[in-house]
PDB file of N, CA and C in Angstrom:
ATOM      1  N   MET A   1      23.933 -81.602 -23.965  1.00  0.00           N
ATOM      2  CA  MET A   1      24.210 -80.147 -24.332  1.00  0.00           C
ATOM      3  C   MET A   1      22.862 -79.281 -24.319  1.00  0.00           C
ATOM      4  N   ALA A   2      21.795 -80.150 -24.462  1.00  0.00           N
ATOM      5  CA  ALA A   2      20.547 -79.662 -24.548  1.00  0.00           C
ATOM      6  C   ALA A   2      20.292 -78.797 -23.175  1.00  0.00           C
ATOM      7  N   ALA A   3      20.775 -79.199 -22.012  1.00  0.00           N
ATOM      8  CA  ALA A   3      20.232 -78.529 -20.766  1.00  0.00           C
ATOM      9  C   ALA A   3      20.925 -76.985 -20.746  1.00  0.00           C
ATOM     10  N   PRO A   4      22.132 -76.926 -21.138  1.00  0.00           N
ATOM     11  CA  PRO A   4      22.630 -75.488 -21.244  1.00  0.00           C
ATOM     12  C   PRO A   4      21.916 -74.601 -22.194  1.00  0.00           C
ATOM     13  N   ALA A   5      21.515 -75.177 -23.306  1.00  0.00           N
ATOM     14  CA  ALA A   5      20.711 -74.226 -24.199  1.00  0.00           C
ATOM     15  C   ALA A   5      19.519 -73.920 -23.752  1.00  0.00           C
ATOM     16  N   LEU A   6      18.781 -74.844 -23.036  1.00  0.00           N
ATOM     17  CA  LEU A   6      17.374 -74.329 -22.335  1.00  0.00           C
ATOM     18  C   LEU A   6      17.694 -73.359 -21.217  1.00  0.00           C
ATOM     19  N   GLY A   7      18.741 -73.462 -20.517  1.00  0.00           N
ATOM     20  CA  GLY A   7      18.987 -72.540 -19.444  1.00  0.00           C
ATOM     21  C   GLY A   7      19.217 -71.145 -20.077  1.00  0.00           C
ATOM     22  N   ALA A   8      19.971 -70.995 -21.239  1.00  0.00           N
ATOM     23  CA  ALA A   8      20.272 -69.901 -21.814  1.00  0.00           C
ATOM     24  C   ALA A   8      19.148 -69.177 -22.416  1.00  0.00           C
ATOM     25  N   GLU A   9      18.061 -69.916 -23.052  1.00  0.00           N
ATOM     26  CA  GLU A   9      16.697 -69.458 -23.514  1.00  0.00           C
ATOM     27  C   GLU A   9      16.000 -68.851 -22.331  1.00  0.00           C
ATOM     28  N   SER A  10      15.779 -69.566 -21.166  1.00  0.00           N
ATOM     29  CA  SER A  10      14.989 -69.056 -20.118  1.00  0.00           C
ATOM     30  C   SER A  10      15.543 -67.681 -19.472  1.00  0.00           C
ATOM     31  N   SER A  11      16.959 -67.574 -19.492  1.00  0.00           N
ATOM     32  CA  SER A  11      17.509 -66.451 -18.836  1.00  0.00           C
ATOM     33  C   SER A  11      17.479 -65.338 -19.900  1.00  0.00           C
ATOM     34  N   ASP A  12      17.395 -65.423 -21.224  1.00  0.00           N
ATOM     35  CA  ASP A  12      17.189 -64.449 -22.304  1.00  0.00           C
ATOM     36  C   ASP A  12      15.754 -63.945 -22.222  1.00  0.00           C
ATOM     37  N   ALA A  13      14.863 -64.712 -21.950  1.00  0.00           N
ATOM     38  CA  ALA A  13      13.337 -64.144 -22.093  1.00  0.00           C
ATOM     39  C   ALA A  13      13.132 -63.187 -21.192  1.00  0.00           C
ATOM     40  N   PRO A  14      13.473 -63.411 -19.776  1.00  0.00           N
ATOM     41  CA  PRO A  14      13.065 -62.314 -18.905  1.00  0.00           C
ATOM     42  C   PRO A  14      13.899 -61.015 -19.268  1.00  0.00           C
ATOM     43  N   ALA A  15      15.071 -61.186 -19.628  1.00  0.00           N
ATOM     44  CA  ALA A  15      15.817 -59.849 -20.020  1.00  0.00           C
ATOM     45  C   ALA A  15      15.119 -59.175 -21.157  1.00  0.00           C
ATOM     46  N   ALA A  16      14.819 -60.086 -22.147  1.00  0.00           N
ATOM     47  CA  ALA A  16      13.966 -59.377 -23.338  1.00  0.00           C
ATOM     48  C   ALA A  16      12.735 -58.667 -22.795  1.00  0.00           C
ATOM     49  N   ALA A  17      11.994 -59.332 -22.024  1.00  0.00           N
ATOM     50  CA  ALA A  17      10.886 -58.769 -21.510  1.00  0.00           C
ATOM     51  C   ALA A  17      11.007 -57.564 -20.568  1.00  0.00           C
ATOM     52  N   ALA A  18      12.083 -57.629 -19.810  1.00  0.00           N
ATOM     53  CA  ALA A  18      12.320 -56.413 -19.039  1.00  0.00           C
ATOM     54  C   ALA A  18      12.843 -55.345 -20.050  1.00  0.00           C
ATOM     55  N   ALA A  19      13.654 -55.438 -21.145  1.00  0.00           N
ATOM     56  CA  ALA A  19      13.987 -54.559 -22.020  1.00  0.00           C
ATOM     57  C   ALA A  19      12.749 -53.793 -22.660  1.00  0.00           C
ATOM     58  N   ALA A  20      11.930 -54.768 -23.075  1.00  0.00           N
ATOM     59  CA  ALA A  20      10.577 -54.166 -23.587  1.00  0.00           C
ATOM     60  C   ALA A  20       9.779 -53.357 -22.751  1.00  0.00           C
ATOM     61  N   ALA A  21       9.861 -53.682 -21.400  1.00  0.00           N
ATOM     62  CA  ALA A  21       8.887 -53.138 -20.568  1.00  0.00           C
ATOM     63  C   ALA A  21       9.556 -51.687 -20.099  1.00  0.00           C
ATOM     64  N   THR A  22      10.942 -51.449 -20.196  1.00  0.00           N
ATOM     65  CA  THR A  22      11.369 -50.316 -19.864  1.00  0.00           C
ATOM     66  C   THR A  22      11.106 -49.071 -20.745  1.00  0.00           C
ATOM     67  N   PRO A  23      10.853 -48.928 -21.967  1.00  0.00           N
ATOM     68  CA  PRO A  23      10.328 -47.831 -22.551  1.00  0.00           C
ATOM     69  C   PRO A  23       8.933 -47.661 -22.314  1.00  0.00           C
ATOM     70  N   THR A  24       7.843 -48.380 -22.078  1.00  0.00           N
ATOM     71  CA  THR A  24       6.552 -48.202 -21.850  1.00  0.00           C
ATOM     72  C   THR A  24       6.545 -47.663 -20.276  1.00  0.00           C
ATOM     73  N   ALA A  25       7.551 -48.063 -19.498  1.00  0.00           N
ATOM     74  CA  ALA A  25       7.447 -47.571 -18.009  1.00  0.00           C
ATOM     75  C   ALA A  25       7.879 -46.039 -18.014  1.00  0.00           C
ATOM     76  N   THR A  26       8.847 -45.616 -18.821  1.00  0.00           N
ATOM     77  CA  THR A  26       9.162 -44.263 -18.823  1.00  0.00           C
ATOM     78  C   THR A  26       8.254 -43.446 -19.629  1.00  0.00           C
ATOM     79  N   THR A  27       7.416 -43.921 -20.524  1.00  0.00           N
ATOM     80  CA  THR A  27       6.663 -43.041 -21.333  1.00  0.00           C
ATOM     81  C   THR A  27       5.598 -42.339 -20.550  1.00  0.00           C
ATOM     82  N   PRO A  28       4.792 -42.822 -19.664  1.00  0.00           N
ATOM     83  CA  PRO A  28       3.756 -42.158 -18.771  1.00  0.00           C
ATOM     84  C   PRO A  28       4.562 -40.824 -17.893  1.00  0.00           C
ATOM     85  N   SER A  29       5.716 -41.033 -17.670  1.00  0.00           N
ATOM     86  CA  SER A  29       6.311 -40.037 -16.826  1.00  0.00           C
ATOM     87  C   SER A  29       6.693 -38.559 -17.680  1.00  0.00           C
ATOM     88  N   THR A  30       6.012 -38.390 -18.747  1.00  0.00           N
ATOM     89  CA  THR A  30       6.221 -37.113 -19.376  1.00  0.00           C
ATOM     90  C   THR A  30       5.757 -35.944 -18.452  1.00  0.00           C
ATOM     91  N   ALA A  31       6.390 -34.938 -18.550  1.00  0.00           N
ATOM     92  CA  ALA A  31       6.099 -33.821 -17.849  1.00  0.00           C
ATOM     93  C   ALA A  31       4.751 -33.202 -18.047  1.00  0.00           C
ATOM     94  N   MET A  32       4.052 -32.673 -16.936  1.00  0.00           N
ATOM     95  CA  MET A  32       2.769 -32.104 -17.102  1.00  0.00           C
ATOM     96  C   MET A  32       2.966 -30.678 -17.807  1.00  0.00           C
ATOM     97  N   PRO A  33       1.932 -30.312 -18.574  1.00  0.00           N
ATOM     98  CA  PRO A  33       2.042 -28.916 -19.104  1.00  0.00           C
ATOM     99  C   PRO A  33       1.973 -27.885 -17.974  1.00  0.00           C
ATOM    100  N   LYS A  34       2.728 -26.754 -18.130  1.00  0.00           N
ATOM    101  CA  LYS A  34       2.690 -25.573 -17.164  1.00  0.00           C
ATOM    102  C   LYS A  34       1.959 -24.516 -17.746  1.00  0.00           C
ATOM    103  N   HIS A  35       1.249 -23.904 -16.859  1.00  0.00           N
ATOM    104  CA  HIS A  35       0.462 -22.841 -17.246  1.00  0.00           C
ATOM    105  C   HIS A  35       0.630 -21.526 -16.206  1.00  0.00           C
ATOM    106  N   GLU A  36       0.631 -20.441 -16.643  1.00  0.00           N
ATOM    107  CA  GLU A  36       0.931 -19.326 -15.914  1.00  0.00           C
ATOM    108  C   GLU A  36      -0.416 -18.448 -15.844  1.00  0.00           C
ATOM    109  N   PHE A  37      -0.697 -18.028 -14.549  1.00  0.00           N
ATOM    110  CA  PHE A  37      -1.946 -17.220 -14.521  1.00  0.00           C
ATOM    111  C   PHE A  37      -1.728 -15.973 -13.637  1.00  0.00           C
ATOM    112  N   SER A  38      -2.231 -14.907 -14.006  1.00  0.00           N
ATOM    113  CA  SER A  38      -2.365 -13.664 -13.139  1.00  0.00           C
ATOM    114  C   SER A  38      -3.540 -13.903 -12.062  1.00  0.00           C
ATOM    115  N   VAL A  39      -3.252 -13.694 -10.724  1.00  0.00           N
ATOM    116  CA  VAL A  39      -4.289 -13.716  -9.830  1.00  0.00           C
ATOM    117  C   VAL A  39      -4.293 -12.418  -8.815  1.00  0.00           C
ATOM    118  N   ASP A  40      -5.287 -11.705  -8.671  1.00  0.00           N
ATOM    119  CA  ASP A  40      -5.129 -10.435  -7.978  1.00  0.00           C
ATOM    120  C   ASP A  40      -5.139 -10.738  -6.467  1.00  0.00           C
ATOM    121  N   MET A  41      -3.947 -11.173  -6.046  1.00  0.00           N
ATOM    122  CA  MET A  41      -3.721 -11.549  -4.662  1.00  0.00           C
ATOM    123  C   MET A  41      -2.850 -10.336  -3.967  1.00  0.00           C
ATOM    124  N   THR A  42      -3.265 -10.002  -2.778  1.00  0.00           N
ATOM    125  CA  THR A  42      -2.705  -8.945  -2.065  1.00  0.00           C
ATOM    126  C   THR A  42      -2.199  -9.212  -0.749  1.00  0.00           C
ATOM    127  N   CYS A  43      -2.267 -10.534  -0.357  1.00  0.00           N
ATOM    128  CA  CYS A  43      -1.946 -10.907   0.870  1.00  0.00           C
ATOM    129  C   CYS A  43      -1.585 -12.335   1.003  1.00  0.00           C
ATOM    130  N   GLU A  44      -1.157 -12.785   2.170  1.00  0.00           N
ATOM    131  CA  GLU A  44      -0.874 -14.203   2.383  1.00  0.00           C
ATOM    132  C   GLU A  44      -2.265 -14.855   2.422  1.00  0.00           C
ATOM    133  N   GLY A  45      -3.174 -14.336   3.009  1.00  0.00           N
ATOM    134  CA  GLY A  45      -4.491 -14.874   3.023  1.00  0.00           C
ATOM    135  C   GLY A  45      -5.014 -15.199   1.743  1.00  0.00           C
ATOM    136  N   CYS A  46      -4.914 -14.327   0.554  1.00  0.00           N
ATOM    137  CA  CYS A  46      -5.166 -14.596  -0.838  1.00  0.00           C
ATOM    138  C   CYS A  46      -4.330 -15.956  -1.370  1.00  0.00           C
ATOM    139  N   SER A  47      -3.021 -15.864  -1.047  1.00  0.00           N
ATOM    140  CA  SER A  47      -2.277 -16.911  -1.580  1.00  0.00           C
ATOM    141  C   SER A  47      -2.869 -18.320  -0.962  1.00  0.00           C
ATOM    142  N   ASN A  48      -3.277 -18.329   0.386  1.00  0.00           N
ATOM    143  CA  ASN A  48      -3.768 -19.479   1.033  1.00  0.00           C
ATOM    144  C   ASN A  48      -4.988 -19.990   0.394  1.00  0.00           C
ATOM    145  N   ALA A  49      -5.845 -19.010  -0.045  1.00  0.00           N
ATOM    146  CA  ALA A  49      -7.130 -19.310  -0.871  1.00  0.00           C
ATOM    147  C   ALA A  49      -6.775 -20.124  -2.151  1.00  0.00           C
ATOM    148  N   VAL A  50      -5.733 -19.630  -2.735  1.00  0.00           N
ATOM    149  CA  VAL A  50      -5.189 -20.236  -4.086  1.00  0.00           C
ATOM    150  C   VAL A  50      -4.840 -21.679  -3.792  1.00  0.00           C
ATOM    151  N   SER A  51      -4.012 -21.781  -2.721  1.00  0.00           N
ATOM    152  CA  SER A  51      -3.497 -23.114  -2.515  1.00  0.00           C
ATOM    153  C   SER A  51      -4.674 -24.055  -2.061  1.00  0.00           C
ATOM    154  N   ARG A  52      -5.672 -23.597  -1.274  1.00  0.00           N
ATOM    155  CA  ARG A  52      -6.758 -24.316  -0.932  1.00  0.00           C
ATOM    156  C   ARG A  52      -7.432 -24.926  -2.089  1.00  0.00           C
ATOM    157  N   VAL A  53      -7.844 -24.012  -2.930  1.00  0.00           N
ATOM    158  CA  VAL A  53      -8.790 -24.501  -4.060  1.00  0.00           C
ATOM    159  C   VAL A  53      -7.939 -25.451  -5.056  1.00  0.00           C
ATOM    160  N   LEU A  54      -6.620 -25.044  -5.275  1.00  0.00           N
ATOM    161  CA  LEU A  54      -5.810 -25.922  -6.113  1.00  0.00           C
ATOM    162  C   LEU A  54      -5.626 -27.422  -5.448  1.00  0.00           C
ATOM    163  N   ASN A  55      -5.384 -27.390  -4.160  1.00  0.00           N
ATOM    164  CA  ASN A  55      -5.229 -28.698  -3.576  1.00  0.00           C
ATOM    165  C   ASN A  55      -6.318 -29.601  -3.566  1.00  0.00           C
ATOM    166  N   LYS A  56      -7.539 -28.771  -3.395  1.00  0.00           N
ATOM    167  CA  LYS A  56      -8.882 -29.385  -3.420  1.00  0.00           C
ATOM    168  C   LYS A  56      -8.982 -30.075  -4.786  1.00  0.00           C
ATOM    169  N   LEU A  57      -8.611 -29.331  -5.764  1.00  0.00           N
ATOM    170  CA  LEU A  57      -8.830 -29.924  -7.349  1.00  0.00           C
ATOM    171  C   LEU A  57      -7.963 -31.212  -7.484  1.00  0.00           C
ATOM    172  N   GLY A  58      -6.751 -31.154  -7.028  1.00  0.00           N
ATOM    173  CA  GLY A  58      -5.942 -32.375  -7.191  1.00  0.00           C
ATOM    174  C   GLY A  58      -5.357 -32.541  -8.502  1.00  0.00           C
ATOM    175  N   GLY A  59      -4.216 -33.109  -8.567  1.00  0.00           N
ATOM    176  CA  GLY A  59      -3.622 -33.497  -9.782  1.00  0.00           C
ATOM    177  C   GLY A  59      -2.836 -32.437 -10.298  1.00  0.00           C
ATOM    178  N   VAL A  60      -2.378 -31.353  -9.355  1.00  0.00           N
ATOM    179  CA  VAL A  60      -1.659 -30.179  -9.745  1.00  0.00           C
ATOM    180  C   VAL A  60      -0.417 -30.085  -8.913  1.00  0.00           C
ATOM    181  N   GLU A  61       0.638 -29.350  -9.537  1.00  0.00           N
ATOM    182  CA  GLU A  61       1.658 -28.883  -8.867  1.00  0.00           C
ATOM    183  C   GLU A  61       1.720 -27.468  -9.024  1.00  0.00           C
ATOM    184  N   PHE A  62       1.973 -26.511  -8.151  1.00  0.00           N
ATOM    185  CA  PHE A  62       1.838 -25.103  -8.428  1.00  0.00           C
ATOM    186  C   PHE A  62       2.967 -24.470  -7.443  1.00  0.00           C
ATOM    187  N   ASP A  63       3.286 -23.192  -7.988  1.00  0.00           N
ATOM    188  CA  ASP A  63       4.106 -22.122  -7.373  1.00  0.00           C
ATOM    189  C   ASP A  63       3.398 -20.948  -7.365  1.00  0.00           C
ATOM    190  N   ILE A  64       3.235 -20.293  -6.209  1.00  0.00           N
ATOM    191  CA  ILE A  64       2.543 -19.056  -6.005  1.00  0.00           C
ATOM    192  C   ILE A  64       3.670 -17.946  -5.768  1.00  0.00           C
ATOM    193  N   ASP A  65       3.556 -16.839  -6.685  1.00  0.00           N
ATOM    194  CA  ASP A  65       4.519 -15.558  -6.563  1.00  0.00           C
ATOM    195  C   ASP A  65       3.753 -14.608  -6.192  1.00  0.00           C
ATOM    196  N   LEU A  66       3.548 -14.412  -4.799  1.00  0.00           N
ATOM    197  CA  LEU A  66       2.642 -13.430  -4.265  1.00  0.00           C
ATOM    198  C   LEU A  66       3.061 -12.037  -4.680  1.00  0.00           C
ATOM    199  N   PRO A  67       4.321 -11.382  -4.701  1.00  0.00           N
ATOM    200  CA  PRO A  67       4.602 -10.293  -5.032  1.00  0.00           C
ATOM    201  C   PRO A  67       4.396  -9.790  -6.480  1.00  0.00           C
ATOM    202  N   ASN A  68       4.534 -10.713  -7.299  1.00  0.00           N
ATOM    203  CA  ASN A  68       4.268 -10.721  -8.880  1.00  0.00           C
ATOM    204  C   ASN A  68       2.742 -11.025  -9.199  1.00  0.00           C
ATOM    205  N   LYS A  69       1.947 -11.435  -8.198  1.00  0.00           N
ATOM    206  CA  LYS A  69       0.554 -11.852  -8.358  1.00  0.00           C
ATOM    207  C   LYS A  69       0.380 -12.992  -9.428  1.00  0.00           C
ATOM    208  N   LYS A  70       1.464 -13.807  -9.517  1.00  0.00           N
ATOM    209  CA  LYS A  70       1.367 -15.063 -10.551  1.00  0.00           C
ATOM    210  C   LYS A  70       1.309 -16.296  -9.924  1.00  0.00           C
ATOM    211  N   VAL A  71       0.527 -17.255 -10.510  1.00  0.00           N
ATOM    212  CA  VAL A  71       0.560 -18.570 -10.072  1.00  0.00           C
ATOM    213  C   VAL A  71       0.968 -19.547 -11.346  1.00  0.00           C
ATOM    214  N   CYS A  72       1.875 -20.329 -11.117  1.00  0.00           N
ATOM    215  CA  CYS A  72       2.382 -21.148 -12.270  1.00  0.00           C
ATOM    216  C   CYS A  72       1.961 -22.701 -11.744  1.00  0.00           C
ATOM    217  N   ILE A  73       1.184 -23.383 -12.564  1.00  0.00           N
ATOM    218  CA  ILE A  73       0.448 -24.613 -12.453  1.00  0.00           C
ATOM    219  C   ILE A  73       0.916 -25.654 -13.459  1.00  0.00           C
ATOM    220  N   SER A  74       1.431 -26.815 -12.959  1.00  0.00           N
ATOM    221  CA  SER A  74       1.725 -27.958 -13.869  1.00  0.00           C
ATOM    222  C   SER A  74       0.501 -28.866 -13.496  1.00  0.00           C
ATOM    223  N   SER A  75      -0.165 -29.165 -14.616  1.00  0.00           N
ATOM    224  CA  SER A  75      -1.401 -30.009 -14.532  1.00  0.00           C
ATOM    225  C   SER A  75      -1.756 -30.527 -15.900  1.00  0.00           C
ATOM    226  N   ASP A  76      -2.365 -31.738 -15.921  1.00  0.00           N
ATOM    227  CA  ASP A  76      -2.953 -32.254 -17.069  1.00  0.00           C
ATOM    228  C   ASP A  76      -4.533 -31.705 -17.245  1.00  0.00           C
ATOM    229  N   HIS A  77      -5.003 -30.900 -16.144  1.00  0.00           N
ATOM    230  CA  HIS A  77      -6.303 -30.473 -16.332  1.00  0.00           C
ATOM    231  C   HIS A  77      -6.214 -29.294 -17.437  1.00  0.00           C
ATOM    232  N   SER A  78      -7.376 -29.140 -18.140  1.00  0.00           N
ATOM    233  CA  SER A  78      -7.607 -27.884 -19.032  1.00  0.00           C
ATOM    234  C   SER A  78      -7.418 -26.713 -18.469  1.00  0.00           C
ATOM    235  N   VAL A  79      -6.902 -25.784 -19.309  1.00  0.00           N
ATOM    236  CA  VAL A  79      -6.874 -24.174 -18.872  1.00  0.00           C
ATOM    237  C   VAL A  79      -8.200 -23.746 -18.192  1.00  0.00           C
ATOM    238  N   ASP A  80      -9.341 -24.053 -18.999  1.00  0.00           N
ATOM    239  CA  ASP A  80     -10.694 -23.811 -18.557  1.00  0.00           C
ATOM    240  C   ASP A  80     -10.897 -24.283 -17.120  1.00  0.00           C
ATOM    241  N   ILE A  81     -10.398 -25.445 -16.903  1.00  0.00           N
ATOM    242  CA  ILE A  81     -10.736 -26.091 -15.353  1.00  0.00           C
ATOM    243  C   ILE A  81      -9.951 -25.265 -14.425  1.00  0.00           C
ATOM    244  N   LEU A  82      -8.702 -25.047 -14.770  1.00  0.00           N
ATOM    245  CA  LEU A  82      -7.847 -24.312 -13.921  1.00  0.00           C
ATOM    246  C   LEU A  82      -8.457 -22.856 -13.712  1.00  0.00           C
ATOM    247  N   LEU A  83      -8.699 -22.354 -14.683  1.00  0.00           N
ATOM    248  CA  LEU A  83      -9.278 -20.910 -14.610  1.00  0.00           C
ATOM    249  C   LEU A  83     -10.678 -20.952 -13.661  1.00  0.00           C
ATOM    250  N   GLU A  84     -11.499 -21.815 -13.754  1.00  0.00           N
ATOM    251  CA  GLU A  84     -12.679 -22.067 -12.953  1.00  0.00           C
ATOM    252  C   GLU A  84     -12.285 -22.255 -11.531  1.00  0.00           C
ATOM    253  N   THR A  85     -11.215 -23.148 -11.341  1.00  0.00           N
ATOM    254  CA  THR A  85     -10.859 -23.320 -10.013  1.00  0.00           C
ATOM    255  C   THR A  85     -10.318 -22.153  -9.403  1.00  0.00           C
ATOM    256  N   LEU A  86      -9.375 -21.441  -9.921  1.00  0.00           N
ATOM    257  CA  LEU A  86      -8.900 -20.282  -9.455  1.00  0.00           C
ATOM    258  C   LEU A  86      -9.877 -19.097  -9.098  1.00  0.00           C
ATOM    259  N   GLU A  87     -10.834 -18.991  -9.926  1.00  0.00           N
ATOM    260  CA  GLU A  87     -11.854 -18.133  -9.663  1.00  0.00           C
ATOM    261  C   GLU A  87     -12.749 -18.366  -8.541  1.00  0.00           C
ATOM    262  N   LYS A  88     -12.854 -19.455  -7.963  1.00  0.00           N
ATOM    263  CA  LYS A  88     -13.488 -19.914  -6.934  1.00  0.00           C
ATOM    264  C   LYS A  88     -12.775 -18.962  -5.639  1.00  0.00           C
ATOM    265  N   THR A  89     -11.797 -18.331  -5.825  1.00  0.00           N
ATOM    266  CA  THR A  89     -11.148 -17.759  -4.637  1.00  0.00           C
ATOM    267  C   THR A  89     -11.943 -16.265  -4.383  1.00  0.00           C
ATOM    268  N   GLY A  90     -12.627 -15.804  -5.653  1.00  0.00           N
ATOM    269  CA  GLY A  90     -13.141 -14.717  -5.556  1.00  0.00           C
ATOM    270  C   GLY A  90     -12.371 -13.541  -6.112  1.00  0.00           C
ATOM    271  N   LYS A  91     -11.061 -14.022  -6.561  1.00  0.00           N
ATOM    272  CA  LYS A  91     -10.179 -12.915  -7.062  1.00  0.00           C
ATOM    273  C   LYS A  91     -10.240 -12.786  -8.516  1.00  0.00           C
ATOM    274  N   ALA A  92      -9.781 -11.676  -9.169  1.00  0.00           N
ATOM    275  CA  ALA A  92      -9.807 -11.564 -10.550  1.00  0.00           C
ATOM    276  C   ALA A  92      -8.499 -12.437 -11.048  1.00  0.00           C
ATOM    277  N   VAL A  93      -8.773 -13.274 -12.154  1.00  0.00           N
ATOM    278  CA  VAL A  93      -7.781 -14.163 -12.697  1.00  0.00           C
ATOM    279  C   VAL A  93      -7.912 -14.105 -14.117  1.00  0.00           C
ATOM    280  N   SER A  94      -6.633 -14.223 -14.612  1.00  0.00           N
ATOM    281  CA  SER A  94      -6.555 -14.261 -16.151  1.00  0.00           C
ATOM    282  C   SER A  94      -5.458 -15.097 -16.429  1.00  0.00           C
ATOM    283  N   TYR A  95      -5.478 -15.752 -17.659  1.00  0.00           N
ATOM    284  CA  TYR A  95      -4.565 -16.802 -18.130  1.00  0.00           C
ATOM    285  C   TYR A  95      -3.382 -16.090 -18.921  1.00  0.00           C
ATOM    286  N   LEU A  96      -2.184 -16.255 -18.478  1.00  0.00           N
ATOM    287  CA  LEU A  96      -1.085 -15.475 -19.157  1.00  0.00           C
ATOM    288  C   LEU A  96      -0.467 -16.282 -20.272  1.00  0.00           C
ATOM    289  N   GLY A  97      -0.589 -17.695 -20.284  1.00  0.00           N
ATOM    290  CA  GLY A  97      -0.110 -18.449 -21.231  1.00  0.00           C
ATOM    291  C   GLY A  97       0.719 -19.625 -20.688  1.00  0.00           C
ATOM    292  N   PRO A  98       1.219 -20.553 -21.607  1.00  0.00           N
ATOM    293  CA  PRO A  98       2.146 -21.734 -21.116  1.00  0.00           C
ATOM    294  C   PRO A  98       3.401 -21.139 -20.650  1.00  0.00           C
ATOM    295  N   LYS A  99       3.882 -21.912 -19.820  1.00  0.00           N
ATOM    296  CA  LYS A  99       5.184 -21.545 -19.140  1.00  0.00           C
ATOM    297  C   LYS A  99       6.248 -22.482 -19.645  1.00  0.00           C
TER     298      LYS A  99
END
């Protein structure tokens, strides 16, 4: 009877370890903060410049709304870093707030 008991213990240990690993695996996948900026974009060239500087920064996901001159950025970077990056386009930029 000792053999089945050992088999049961060894099968429970990996299951317990997997169950314990599950919450820590999902914790880092929290959503990045979203921020909305006003950028004085007048054409597709302007929006391409915004895309270029944000892609160069890395660690960002963004949507550009050219008609409304808004850029929504999901990122763990600080608002100051995002502002500095957007200002590299040479366009007037202002922070509208969290989205």
